[in-house]
Amino acid sequence: MNAPQEIKFRFNPSSSKSKKVLGPLEGDIMEVVWEQGPTTVSAVHKALREHKEIAYTTVMTTMSRLAKKGLLNQDRSAASYVYSAALSKADFDKYVVAGVIRALLNDYGDTFVDCFVDMLDDLGPTGRERLLKAAGFNG
């Protein structure tokens, strides 16, 4: 998983999934693009209007900004721009989690590690076993 560039994001733990790091509309747009694959502003606008009233120009501007941020690829070769996700949903999720962990380690160091170790009990036996296997401990 390689992000095309360093994607800057903020982290809001009280929001859900992609909206933890993207604005609400950005998150909605990314969800539509991940679901539809390569798509146009018009198709995304149509999908979003099924759930809320939103202006076409708002969707167009937000998708353009997501492209500038490196989250969407923008193909300008056709009359209507075609947008596609720069990262798959799974790769985006991994990128976000890695970024949050890296920031916590940089800012809190040993405190983060201590809290993480303390939280291992919350994983239960299956979770701990999976983590140990992933870390290379087979016993």
Protein backbone atom coordinates (compact mmCIF):
# COMPACT_ATOMS: atom_id res chain seq x y z
CA MET A 1 0.00 0.00 0.00
CA ASN A 2 1.62 3.20 -1.15
CA ALA A 3 -0.11 6.52 -0.88
CA PRO A 4 0.61 8.66 -3.96
CA GLN A 5 1.83 11.43 -1.67
CA GLU A 6 1.69 12.22 2.02
CA ILE A 7 -2.03 12.64 2.71
CA LYS A 8 -2.70 15.04 5.54
CA PHE A 9 -5.71 14.35 7.70
CA ARG A 10 -7.14 15.17 11.08
CA PHE A 11 -8.42 12.50 13.44
CA ASN A 12 -11.86 12.74 15.08
CA PRO A 13 -12.38 9.60 17.17
CA SER A 14 -16.09 10.27 17.71
CA SER A 15 -16.94 10.07 13.98
CA SER A 16 -17.48 6.85 12.06
CA LYS A 17 -14.99 5.14 9.75
CA SER A 18 -13.65 7.35 6.93
CA LYS A 19 -15.26 10.40 8.52
CA LYS A 20 -12.81 10.06 11.42
CA VAL A 21 -10.21 11.63 9.11
CA LEU A 22 -12.27 13.24 6.34
CA GLY A 23 -15.02 15.79 6.48
CA PRO A 24 -18.57 14.41 6.35
CA LEU A 25 -19.05 15.21 2.65
CA GLU A 26 -15.55 14.01 1.74
CA GLY A 27 -16.26 10.74 3.52
CA ASP A 28 -19.60 10.34 1.74
CA ILE A 29 -17.99 11.00 -1.64
CA MET A 30 -15.15 8.56 -1.02
CA GLU A 31 -17.65 5.87 0.02
CA VAL A 32 -19.52 6.37 -3.27
CA VAL A 33 -16.31 6.27 -5.33
CA TRP A 34 -15.11 3.12 -3.54
CA GLU A 35 -18.49 1.52 -4.20
CA GLN A 36 -18.85 2.61 -7.84
CA GLY A 37 -15.25 2.51 -9.04
CA PRO A 38 -14.20 5.07 -11.68
CA THR A 39 -17.05 7.57 -11.85
CA THR A 40 -18.09 11.11 -12.68
CA VAL A 41 -19.24 14.04 -10.59
CA SER A 42 -22.72 13.56 -12.04
CA ALA A 43 -22.91 9.92 -10.91
CA VAL A 44 -21.64 10.77 -7.42
CA HIS A 45 -24.07 13.67 -7.17
CA LYS A 46 -26.94 11.38 -8.16
CA ALA A 47 -25.91 8.80 -5.52
CA LEU A 48 -25.63 11.43 -2.78
CA ARG A 49 -29.00 12.97 -3.64
CA GLU A 50 -30.66 9.69 -2.73
CA HIS A 51 -29.90 10.54 0.92
CA LYS A 52 -29.64 14.33 1.09
CA GLU A 53 -30.16 17.55 -0.82
CA ILE A 54 -26.83 18.75 -2.19
CA ALA A 55 -25.74 21.05 -4.99
CA TYR A 56 -23.90 19.62 -8.00
CA THR A 57 -21.26 22.36 -7.72
CA THR A 58 -20.59 21.41 -4.09
CA VAL A 59 -19.91 17.80 -5.10
CA MET A 60 -17.73 18.97 -8.02
CA THR A 61 -15.67 21.30 -5.82
CA THR A 62 -15.23 18.68 -3.10
CA MET A 63 -14.14 16.01 -5.59
CA SER A 64 -11.64 18.43 -7.09
CA ARG A 65 -10.24 19.10 -3.60
CA LEU A 66 -10.03 15.36 -2.89
CA ALA A 67 -8.00 15.03 -6.10
CA LYS A 68 -5.67 17.84 -4.98
CA LYS A 69 -5.25 16.06 -1.63
CA GLY A 70 -4.22 12.88 -3.47
CA LEU A 71 -7.25 10.81 -2.47
CA LEU A 72 -8.85 10.80 -5.92
CA ASN A 73 -7.26 10.41 -9.33
CA GLN A 74 -8.71 12.79 -11.91
CA ASP A 75 -8.76 11.74 -15.59
CA ARG A 76 -9.34 14.85 -17.71
CA SER A 77 -9.14 13.11 -21.10
CA ALA A 78 -12.92 12.87 -21.61
CA ALA A 79 -15.54 15.63 -21.73
CA SER A 80 -16.58 14.72 -18.17
CA TYR A 81 -13.73 14.16 -15.75
CA VAL A 82 -13.54 10.60 -14.48
CA TYR A 83 -12.51 10.16 -10.87
CA SER A 84 -11.15 7.04 -9.22
CA ALA A 85 -9.86 6.33 -5.73
CA ALA A 86 -6.10 6.72 -5.37
CA LEU A 87 -6.20 4.04 -2.65
CA SER A 88 -8.54 1.12 -2.19
CA LYS A 89 -10.80 1.32 0.86
CA ALA A 90 -8.65 -1.30 2.62
CA ASP A 91 -5.41 0.55 1.78
CA PHE A 92 -6.92 3.86 2.92
CA ASP A 93 -7.95 2.28 6.22
CA LYS A 94 -4.43 0.87 6.72
CA TYR A 95 -2.89 4.24 5.80
CA VAL A 96 -5.07 6.01 8.38
CA VAL A 97 -4.41 3.49 11.14
CA ALA A 98 -0.65 3.58 10.47
CA GLY A 99 -0.71 7.38 10.51
CA VAL A 100 -2.58 7.54 13.80
CA ILE A 101 -0.26 4.98 15.42
CA ARG A 102 2.83 6.77 14.10
CA ALA A 103 1.55 10.10 15.46
CA LEU A 104 0.73 8.57 18.85
CA LEU A 105 4.17 6.97 19.05
CA ASN A 106 5.87 10.25 18.07
CA ASP A 107 3.84 12.34 20.52
CA TYR A 108 3.44 9.92 23.42
CA GLY A 109 6.16 7.27 22.99
CA ASP A 110 6.32 5.05 26.05
CA THR A 111 2.89 6.16 27.28
CA PHE A 112 1.34 4.89 24.04
CA VAL A 113 3.20 1.58 24.31
CA ASP A 114 2.15 1.17 27.96
CA CYS A 115 -1.50 1.86 27.10
CA PHE A 116 -1.37 -0.51 24.13
CA VAL A 117 0.06 -3.30 26.28
CA ASP A 118 -2.59 -2.66 28.95
CA MET A 119 -5.31 -2.86 26.30
CA LEU A 120 -4.15 -6.27 25.07
CA ASP A 121 -6.37 -7.81 27.74
CA ASP A 122 -9.38 -6.36 25.87
CA LEU A 123 -8.46 -8.46 22.82
CA GLY A 124 -9.27 -11.72 24.53
CA PRO A 125 -7.37 -14.95 23.87
CA THR A 126 -8.11 -15.09 20.13
CA GLY A 127 -7.01 -11.50 19.54
CA ARG A 128 -3.84 -11.93 21.58
CA GLU A 129 -3.01 -15.12 19.70
CA ARG A 130 -3.48 -13.36 16.35
CA LEU A 131 -1.29 -10.46 17.46
CA LEU A 132 1.46 -12.80 18.69
CA LYS A 133 1.41 -14.73 15.40
CA ALA A 134 1.59 -11.50 13.44
CA ALA A 135 4.60 -10.46 15.55
CA GLY A 136 6.32 -13.76 14.77
CA PHE A 137 5.74 -15.50 18.08
CA ASN A 138 4.42 -18.99 17.40
CA GLY A 139 4.31 -20.28 20.94
